[in-house]
Amino acid sequence: MARIEKFEDLEVWQRARKICQFVDTLINSTQIINNSRLRNQMEGSSGSIMDNIAEGFDRDGTKEFHNFLSYSKGSASELKSIR
């Protein structure tokens, strides 16, 4: 099995990036753009998903990476629950 050398090659990070891009498109094509609190929360939580994956990947070990994947999951849940 090939070793992944950079976080950009992780499928989970690529999917997180697509979520970020979708959120950006959604915000810019709807009235959400006028609601700064909602917009900021959506941008922050969606960005946090991919940022935590990247940060965890470049940490010192598997245990830390698992912790950061858990943080990403929490950010995904935050985005999912935004009202």
PDB file of N, CA and C in Angstrom:
ATOM      1  N   MET A   1       0.846  -1.179   0.000  1.00  0.00           N
ATOM      2  CA  MET A   1       0.000   0.000   0.000  1.00  0.00           C
ATOM      3  C   MET A   1       0.889   1.240   0.000  1.00  0.00           C
ATOM      4  N   ALA A   2       0.552   2.202  -0.822  1.00  0.00           N
ATOM      5  CA  ALA A   2       1.342   3.433  -0.933  1.00  0.00           C
ATOM      6  C   ALA A   2       1.147   4.310   0.297  1.00  0.00           C
ATOM      7  N   ARG A   3       2.218   4.967   0.679  1.00  0.00           N
ATOM      8  CA  ARG A   3       2.176   5.884   1.818  1.00  0.00           C
ATOM      9  C   ARG A   3       1.779   7.267   1.315  1.00  0.00           C
ATOM     10  N   ILE A   4       0.853   7.887   1.999  1.00  0.00           N
ATOM     11  CA  ILE A   4       0.413   9.233   1.634  1.00  0.00           C
ATOM     12  C   ILE A   4       1.406  10.224   2.240  1.00  0.00           C
ATOM     13  N   GLU A   5       1.950  11.075   1.405  1.00  0.00           N
ATOM     14  CA  GLU A   5       2.995  12.010   1.827  1.00  0.00           C
ATOM     15  C   GLU A   5       2.467  13.396   2.189  1.00  0.00           C
ATOM     16  N   LYS A   6       1.307  13.770   1.662  1.00  0.00           N
ATOM     17  CA  LYS A   6       0.774  15.111   1.942  1.00  0.00           C
ATOM     18  C   LYS A   6      -0.737  15.041   2.142  1.00  0.00           C
ATOM     19  N   PHE A   7      -1.229  15.929   2.989  1.00  0.00           N
ATOM     20  CA  PHE A   7      -2.645  15.870   3.352  1.00  0.00           C
ATOM     21  C   PHE A   7      -3.564  16.095   2.164  1.00  0.00           C
ATOM     22  N   GLU A   8      -3.094  16.812   1.160  1.00  0.00           N
ATOM     23  CA  GLU A   8      -3.921  17.073  -0.017  1.00  0.00           C
ATOM     24  C   GLU A   8      -4.297  15.794  -0.772  1.00  0.00           C
ATOM     25  N   ASP A   9      -3.544  14.716  -0.527  1.00  0.00           N
ATOM     26  CA  ASP A   9      -3.831  13.442  -1.185  1.00  0.00           C
ATOM     27  C   ASP A   9      -4.859  12.601  -0.433  1.00  0.00           C
ATOM     28  N   LEU A  10      -5.228  13.028   0.766  1.00  0.00           N
ATOM     29  CA  LEU A  10      -6.232  12.306   1.545  1.00  0.00           C
ATOM     30  C   LEU A  10      -7.618  12.552   0.960  1.00  0.00           C
ATOM     31  N   GLU A  11      -8.351  11.480   0.701  1.00  0.00           N
ATOM     32  CA  GLU A  11      -9.710  11.628   0.165  1.00  0.00           C
ATOM     33  C   GLU A  11     -10.601  12.425   1.119  1.00  0.00           C
ATOM     34  N   VAL A  12     -10.429  12.222   2.408  1.00  0.00           N
ATOM     35  CA  VAL A  12     -11.258  12.928   3.377  1.00  0.00           C
ATOM     36  C   VAL A  12     -10.997  14.438   3.311  1.00  0.00           C
ATOM     37  N   TRP A  13      -9.755  14.845   3.093  1.00  0.00           N
ATOM     38  CA  TRP A  13      -9.451  16.275   2.972  1.00  0.00           C
ATOM     39  C   TRP A  13     -10.043  16.818   1.667  1.00  0.00           C
ATOM     40  N   GLN A  14      -9.949  16.045   0.592  1.00  0.00           N
ATOM     41  CA  GLN A  14     -10.513  16.477  -0.691  1.00  0.00           C
ATOM     42  C   GLN A  14     -12.023  16.675  -0.580  1.00  0.00           C
ATOM     43  N   ARG A  15     -12.695  15.781   0.143  1.00  0.00           N
ATOM     44  CA  ARG A  15     -14.136  15.926   0.344  1.00  0.00           C
ATOM     45  C   ARG A  15     -14.444  17.148   1.211  1.00  0.00           C
ATOM     46  N   ALA A  16     -13.621  17.380   2.211  1.00  0.00           N
ATOM     47  CA  ALA A  16     -13.810  18.555   3.068  1.00  0.00           C
ATOM     48  C   ALA A  16     -13.650  19.837   2.256  1.00  0.00           C
ATOM     49  N   ARG A  17     -12.717  19.832   1.330  1.00  0.00           N
ATOM     50  CA  ARG A  17     -12.518  21.000   0.466  1.00  0.00           C
ATOM     51  C   ARG A  17     -13.754  21.240  -0.412  1.00  0.00           C
ATOM     52  N   LYS A  18     -14.343  20.153  -0.909  1.00  0.00           N
ATOM     53  CA  LYS A  18     -15.565  20.280  -1.717  1.00  0.00           C
ATOM     54  C   LYS A  18     -16.712  20.852  -0.880  1.00  0.00           C
ATOM     55  N   ILE A  19     -16.783  20.452   0.373  1.00  0.00           N
ATOM     56  CA  ILE A  19     -17.800  21.012   1.273  1.00  0.00           C
ATOM     57  C   ILE A  19     -17.584  22.513   1.410  1.00  0.00           C
ATOM     58  N   CYS A  20     -16.333  22.910   1.619  1.00  0.00           N
ATOM     59  CA  CYS A  20     -15.997  24.331   1.745  1.00  0.00           C
ATOM     60  C   CYS A  20     -16.405  25.101   0.485  1.00  0.00           C
ATOM     61  N   GLN A  21     -16.092  24.542  -0.655  1.00  0.00           N
ATOM     62  CA  GLN A  21     -16.439  25.193  -1.919  1.00  0.00           C
ATOM     63  C   GLN A  21     -17.953  25.278  -2.096  1.00  0.00           C
ATOM     64  N   PHE A  22     -18.671  24.222  -1.704  1.00  0.00           N
ATOM     65  CA  PHE A  22     -20.128  24.229  -1.790  1.00  0.00           C
ATOM     66  C   PHE A  22     -20.715  25.305  -0.879  1.00  0.00           C
ATOM     67  N   VAL A  23     -20.206  25.393   0.340  1.00  0.00           N
ATOM     68  CA  VAL A  23     -20.693  26.401   1.287  1.00  0.00           C
ATOM     69  C   VAL A  23     -20.443  27.801   0.724  1.00  0.00           C
ATOM     70  N   ASP A  24     -19.283  28.019   0.146  1.00  0.00           N
ATOM     71  CA  ASP A  24     -18.973  29.318  -0.452  1.00  0.00           C
ATOM     72  C   ASP A  24     -19.946  29.651  -1.583  1.00  0.00           C
ATOM     73  N   THR A  25     -20.217  28.681  -2.436  1.00  0.00           N
ATOM     74  CA  THR A  25     -21.177  28.880  -3.533  1.00  0.00           C
ATOM     75  C   THR A  25     -22.573  29.157  -2.983  1.00  0.00           C
ATOM     76  N   LEU A  26     -22.977  28.397  -1.976  1.00  0.00           N
ATOM     77  CA  LEU A  26     -24.291  28.571  -1.364  1.00  0.00           C
ATOM     78  C   LEU A  26     -24.437  29.974  -0.777  1.00  0.00           C
ATOM     79  N   ILE A  27     -23.434  30.401  -0.048  1.00  0.00           N
ATOM     80  CA  ILE A  27     -23.474  31.720   0.583  1.00  0.00           C
ATOM     81  C   ILE A  27     -23.587  32.810  -0.477  1.00  0.00           C
ATOM     82  N   ASN A  28     -22.791  32.698  -1.522  1.00  0.00           N
ATOM     83  CA  ASN A  28     -22.745  33.751  -2.535  1.00  0.00           C
ATOM     84  C   ASN A  28     -23.918  33.736  -3.508  1.00  0.00           C
ATOM     85  N   SER A  29     -24.728  32.682  -3.471  1.00  0.00           N
ATOM     86  CA  SER A  29     -25.854  32.612  -4.405  1.00  0.00           C
ATOM     87  C   SER A  29     -27.211  32.700  -3.701  1.00  0.00           C
ATOM     88  N   THR A  30     -27.188  32.968  -2.401  1.00  0.00           N
ATOM     89  CA  THR A  30     -28.439  33.073  -1.644  1.00  0.00           C
ATOM     90  C   THR A  30     -28.395  34.299  -0.734  1.00  0.00           C
ATOM     91  N   GLN A  31     -29.474  34.485  -0.002  1.00  0.00           N
ATOM     92  CA  GLN A  31     -29.563  35.611   0.930  1.00  0.00           C
ATOM     93  C   GLN A  31     -28.688  35.428   2.173  1.00  0.00           C
ATOM     94  N   ILE A  32     -28.070  34.267   2.301  1.00  0.00           N
ATOM     95  CA  ILE A  32     -27.166  34.041   3.436  1.00  0.00           C
ATOM     96  C   ILE A  32     -26.057  35.084   3.445  1.00  0.00           C
ATOM     97  N   ILE A  33     -25.696  35.557   2.269  1.00  0.00           N
ATOM     98  CA  ILE A  33     -24.619  36.545   2.168  1.00  0.00           C
ATOM     99  C   ILE A  33     -24.931  37.811   2.975  1.00  0.00           C
ATOM    100  N   ASN A  34     -26.207  38.076   3.199  1.00  0.00           N
ATOM    101  CA  ASN A  34     -26.620  39.274   3.946  1.00  0.00           C
ATOM    102  C   ASN A  34     -26.690  39.051   5.452  1.00  0.00           C
ATOM    103  N   ASN A  35     -26.532  37.820   5.892  1.00  0.00           N
ATOM    104  CA  ASN A  35     -26.600  37.494   7.314  1.00  0.00           C
ATOM    105  C   ASN A  35     -25.175  37.182   7.787  1.00  0.00           C
ATOM    106  N   SER A  36     -24.480  38.196   8.267  1.00  0.00           N
ATOM    107  CA  SER A  36     -23.057  38.031   8.573  1.00  0.00           C
ATOM    108  C   SER A  36     -22.794  36.993   9.658  1.00  0.00           C
ATOM    109  N   ARG A  37     -23.661  36.901  10.648  1.00  0.00           N
ATOM    110  CA  ARG A  37     -23.449  35.924  11.719  1.00  0.00           C
ATOM    111  C   ARG A  37     -23.542  34.495  11.178  1.00  0.00           C
ATOM    112  N   LEU A  38     -24.577  34.230  10.410  1.00  0.00           N
ATOM    113  CA  LEU A  38     -24.764  32.909   9.819  1.00  0.00           C
ATOM    114  C   LEU A  38     -23.643  32.600   8.829  1.00  0.00           C
ATOM    115  N   ARG A  39     -23.330  33.565   7.996  1.00  0.00           N
ATOM    116  CA  ARG A  39     -22.268  33.399   6.996  1.00  0.00           C
ATOM    117  C   ARG A  39     -20.936  33.068   7.673  1.00  0.00           C
ATOM    118  N   ASN A  40     -20.586  33.828   8.704  1.00  0.00           N
ATOM    119  CA  ASN A  40     -19.321  33.600   9.402  1.00  0.00           C
ATOM    120  C   ASN A  40     -19.277  32.225  10.062  1.00  0.00           C
ATOM    121  N   GLN A  41     -20.395  31.810  10.640  1.00  0.00           N
ATOM    122  CA  GLN A  41     -20.428  30.495  11.284  1.00  0.00           C
ATOM    123  C   GLN A  41     -20.280  29.379  10.252  1.00  0.00           C
ATOM    124  N   MET A  42     -20.942  29.527   9.129  1.00  0.00           N
ATOM    125  CA  MET A  42     -20.852  28.509   8.078  1.00  0.00           C
ATOM    126  C   MET A  42     -19.451  28.453   7.478  1.00  0.00           C
ATOM    127  N   GLU A  43     -18.871  29.623   7.222  1.00  0.00           N
ATOM    128  CA  GLU A  43     -17.523  29.653   6.668  1.00  0.00           C
ATOM    129  C   GLU A  43     -16.508  29.088   7.667  1.00  0.00           C
ATOM    130  N   GLY A  44     -16.664  29.457   8.933  1.00  0.00           N
ATOM    131  CA  GLY A  44     -15.734  28.993   9.951  1.00  0.00           C
ATOM    132  C   GLY A  44     -15.784  27.501  10.173  1.00  0.00           C
ATOM    133  N   SER A  45     -16.978  26.965  10.299  1.00  0.00           N
ATOM    134  CA  SER A  45     -17.086  25.523  10.567  1.00  0.00           C
ATOM    135  C   SER A  45     -16.686  24.694   9.355  1.00  0.00           C
ATOM    136  N   SER A  46     -17.049  25.130   8.156  1.00  0.00           N
ATOM    137  CA  SER A  46     -16.659  24.350   6.972  1.00  0.00           C
ATOM    138  C   SER A  46     -15.150  24.413   6.761  1.00  0.00           C
ATOM    139  N   GLY A  47     -14.548  25.554   6.985  1.00  0.00           N
ATOM    140  CA  GLY A  47     -13.095  25.665   6.866  1.00  0.00           C
ATOM    141  C   GLY A  47     -12.369  24.859   7.919  1.00  0.00           C
ATOM    142  N   SER A  48     -12.952  24.801   9.103  1.00  0.00           N
ATOM    143  CA  SER A  48     -12.348  24.065  10.206  1.00  0.00           C
ATOM    144  C   SER A  48     -12.284  22.566   9.925  1.00  0.00           C
ATOM    145  N   ILE A  49     -13.223  22.057   9.153  1.00  0.00           N
ATOM    146  CA  ILE A  49     -13.212  20.630   8.818  1.00  0.00           C
ATOM    147  C   ILE A  49     -11.900  20.290   8.113  1.00  0.00           C
ATOM    148  N   MET A  50     -11.607  21.001   7.034  1.00  0.00           N
ATOM    149  CA  MET A  50     -10.390  20.680   6.280  1.00  0.00           C
ATOM    150  C   MET A  50      -9.124  21.128   6.988  1.00  0.00           C
ATOM    151  N   ASP A  51      -9.189  22.235   7.725  1.00  0.00           N
ATOM    152  CA  ASP A  51      -8.003  22.711   8.447  1.00  0.00           C
ATOM    153  C   ASP A  51      -7.552  21.722   9.514  1.00  0.00           C
ATOM    154  N   ASN A  52      -8.497  21.134  10.230  1.00  0.00           N
ATOM    155  CA  ASN A  52      -8.133  20.168  11.267  1.00  0.00           C
ATOM    156  C   ASN A  52      -7.567  18.881  10.675  1.00  0.00           C
ATOM    157  N   ILE A  53      -8.066  18.471   9.541  1.00  0.00           N
ATOM    158  CA  ILE A  53      -7.503  17.297   8.870  1.00  0.00           C
ATOM    159  C   ILE A  53      -6.052  17.577   8.488  1.00  0.00           C
ATOM    160  N   ALA A  54      -5.816  18.743   7.905  1.00  0.00           N
ATOM    161  CA  ALA A  54      -4.456  19.107   7.495  1.00  0.00           C
ATOM    162  C   ALA A  54      -3.523  19.205   8.700  1.00  0.00           C
ATOM    163  N   GLU A  55      -3.955  19.885   9.742  1.00  0.00           N
ATOM    164  CA  GLU A  55      -3.110  20.046  10.921  1.00  0.00           C
ATOM    165  C   GLU A  55      -2.807  18.705  11.573  1.00  0.00           C
ATOM    166  N   GLY A  56      -3.814  17.867  11.713  1.00  0.00           N
ATOM    167  CA  GLY A  56      -3.612  16.564  12.322  1.00  0.00           C
ATOM    168  C   GLY A  56      -2.666  15.684  11.531  1.00  0.00           C
ATOM    169  N   PHE A  57      -2.752  15.760  10.212  1.00  0.00           N
ATOM    170  CA  PHE A  57      -1.881  14.962   9.352  1.00  0.00           C
ATOM    171  C   PHE A  57      -0.409  15.308   9.583  1.00  0.00           C
ATOM    172  N   ASP A  58      -0.131  16.583   9.808  1.00  0.00           N
ATOM    173  CA  ASP A  58       1.255  17.028   9.976  1.00  0.00           C
ATOM    174  C   ASP A  58       1.716  17.023  11.427  1.00  0.00           C
ATOM    175  N   ARG A  59       0.929  16.466  12.320  1.00  0.00           N
ATOM    176  CA  ARG A  59       1.349  16.314  13.716  1.00  0.00           C
ATOM    177  C   ARG A  59       2.254  15.111  13.866  1.00  0.00           C
ATOM    178  N   ASP A  60       2.644  14.827  15.101  1.00  0.00           N
ATOM    179  CA  ASP A  60       3.681  13.833  15.357  1.00  0.00           C
ATOM    180  C   ASP A  60       3.253  12.368  15.292  1.00  0.00           C
ATOM    181  N   GLY A  61       1.982  12.086  15.369  1.00  0.00           N
ATOM    182  CA  GLY A  61       1.646  10.666  15.384  1.00  0.00           C
ATOM    183  C   GLY A  61       0.193  10.375  15.103  1.00  0.00           C
ATOM    184  N   THR A  62      -0.096   9.092  15.058  1.00  0.00           N
ATOM    185  CA  THR A  62      -1.431   8.616  14.743  1.00  0.00           C
ATOM    186  C   THR A  62      -2.453   9.072  15.777  1.00  0.00           C
ATOM    187  N   LYS A  63      -2.081   9.037  17.044  1.00  0.00           N
ATOM    188  CA  LYS A  63      -3.025   9.423  18.091  1.00  0.00           C
ATOM    189  C   LYS A  63      -3.453  10.887  17.929  1.00  0.00           C
ATOM    190  N   GLU A  64      -2.497  11.761  17.667  1.00  0.00           N
ATOM    191  CA  GLU A  64      -2.846  13.171  17.459  1.00  0.00           C
ATOM    192  C   GLU A  64      -3.694  13.347  16.206  1.00  0.00           C
ATOM    193  N   PHE A  65      -3.365  12.618  15.150  1.00  0.00           N
ATOM    194  CA  PHE A  65      -4.154  12.694  13.923  1.00  0.00           C
ATOM    195  C   PHE A  65      -5.592  12.282  14.197  1.00  0.00           C
ATOM    196  N   HIS A  66      -5.777  11.229  14.966  1.00  0.00           N
ATOM    197  CA  HIS A  66      -7.135  10.788  15.322  1.00  0.00           C
ATOM    198  C   HIS A  66      -7.868  11.874  16.096  1.00  0.00           C
ATOM    199  N   ASN A  67      -7.168  12.552  17.001  1.00  0.00           N
ATOM    200  CA  ASN A  67      -7.784  13.655  17.743  1.00  0.00           C
ATOM    201  C   ASN A  67      -8.264  14.750  16.797  1.00  0.00           C
ATOM    202  N   PHE A  68      -7.428  15.115  15.835  1.00  0.00           N
ATOM    203  CA  PHE A  68      -7.810  16.171  14.906  1.00  0.00           C
ATOM    204  C   PHE A  68      -8.918  15.734  13.957  1.00  0.00           C
ATOM    205  N   LEU A  69      -8.961  14.450  13.620  1.00  0.00           N
ATOM    206  CA  LEU A  69     -10.093  13.947  12.836  1.00  0.00           C
ATOM    207  C   LEU A  69     -11.388  14.076  13.641  1.00  0.00           C
ATOM    208  N   SER A  70     -11.284  13.868  14.936  1.00  0.00           N
ATOM    209  CA  SER A  70     -12.451  14.030  15.806  1.00  0.00           C
ATOM    210  C   SER A  70     -12.897  15.495  15.837  1.00  0.00           C
ATOM    211  N   TYR A  71     -11.936  16.419  15.876  1.00  0.00           N
ATOM    212  CA  TYR A  71     -12.287  17.849  15.832  1.00  0.00           C
ATOM    213  C   TYR A  71     -12.978  18.183  14.511  1.00  0.00           C
ATOM    214  N   SER A  72     -12.487  17.593  13.421  1.00  0.00           N
ATOM    215  CA  SER A  72     -13.110  17.809  12.109  1.00  0.00           C
ATOM    216  C   SER A  72     -14.544  17.309  12.097  1.00  0.00           C
ATOM    217  N   LYS A  73     -14.743  16.159  12.695  1.00  0.00           N
ATOM    218  CA  LYS A  73     -16.093  15.603  12.774  1.00  0.00           C
ATOM    219  C   LYS A  73     -16.999  16.546  13.564  1.00  0.00           C
ATOM    220  N   GLY A  74     -16.474  17.115  14.631  1.00  0.00           N
ATOM    221  CA  GLY A  74     -17.250  18.081  15.409  1.00  0.00           C
ATOM    222  C   GLY A  74     -17.607  19.305  14.588  1.00  0.00           C
ATOM    223  N   SER A  75     -16.669  19.790  13.791  1.00  0.00           N
ATOM    224  CA  SER A  75     -16.941  20.941  12.927  1.00  0.00           C
ATOM    225  C   SER A  75     -17.987  20.603  11.875  1.00  0.00           C
ATOM    226  N   ALA A  76     -17.942  19.374  11.359  1.00  0.00           N
ATOM    227  CA  ALA A  76     -18.955  18.943  10.387  1.00  0.00           C
ATOM    228  C   ALA A  76     -20.328  18.905  11.043  1.00  0.00           C
ATOM    229  N   SER A  77     -20.381  18.455  12.283  1.00  0.00           N
ATOM    230  CA  SER A  77     -21.655  18.450  13.010  1.00  0.00           C
ATOM    231  C   SER A  77     -22.144  19.863  13.273  1.00  0.00           C
ATOM    232  N   GLU A  78     -21.219  20.767  13.569  1.00  0.00           N
ATOM    233  CA  GLU A  78     -21.599  22.172  13.761  1.00  0.00           C
ATOM    234  C   GLU A  78     -22.210  22.730  12.493  1.00  0.00           C
ATOM    235  N   LEU A  79     -21.574  22.488  11.360  1.00  0.00           N
ATOM    236  CA  LEU A  79     -22.105  22.976  10.083  1.00  0.00           C
ATOM    237  C   LEU A  79     -23.476  22.372   9.802  1.00  0.00           C
ATOM    238  N   LYS A  80     -23.607  21.109  10.099  1.00  0.00           N
ATOM    239  CA  LYS A  80     -24.872  20.402   9.865  1.00  0.00           C
ATOM    240  C   LYS A  80     -26.000  20.969  10.718  1.00  0.00           C
ATOM    241  N   SER A  81     -25.678  21.450  11.913  1.00  0.00           N
ATOM    242  CA  SER A  81     -26.733  21.897  12.837  1.00  0.00           C
ATOM    243  C   SER A  81     -27.035  23.393  12.753  1.00  0.00           C
ATOM    244  N   ILE A  82     -26.336  24.115  11.904  1.00  0.00           N
ATOM    245  CA  ILE A  82     -26.576  25.569  11.808  1.00  0.00           C
ATOM    246  C   ILE A  82     -28.008  25.815  11.369  1.00  0.00           C
ATOM    247  N   ARG A  83     -28.613  26.738  12.066  1.00  0.00           N
ATOM    248  CA  ARG A  83     -30.013  27.035  11.771  1.00  0.00           C
ATOM    249  C   ARG A  83     -30.165  28.387  11.143  1.00  0.00           C
TER     250      ARG A  83
END
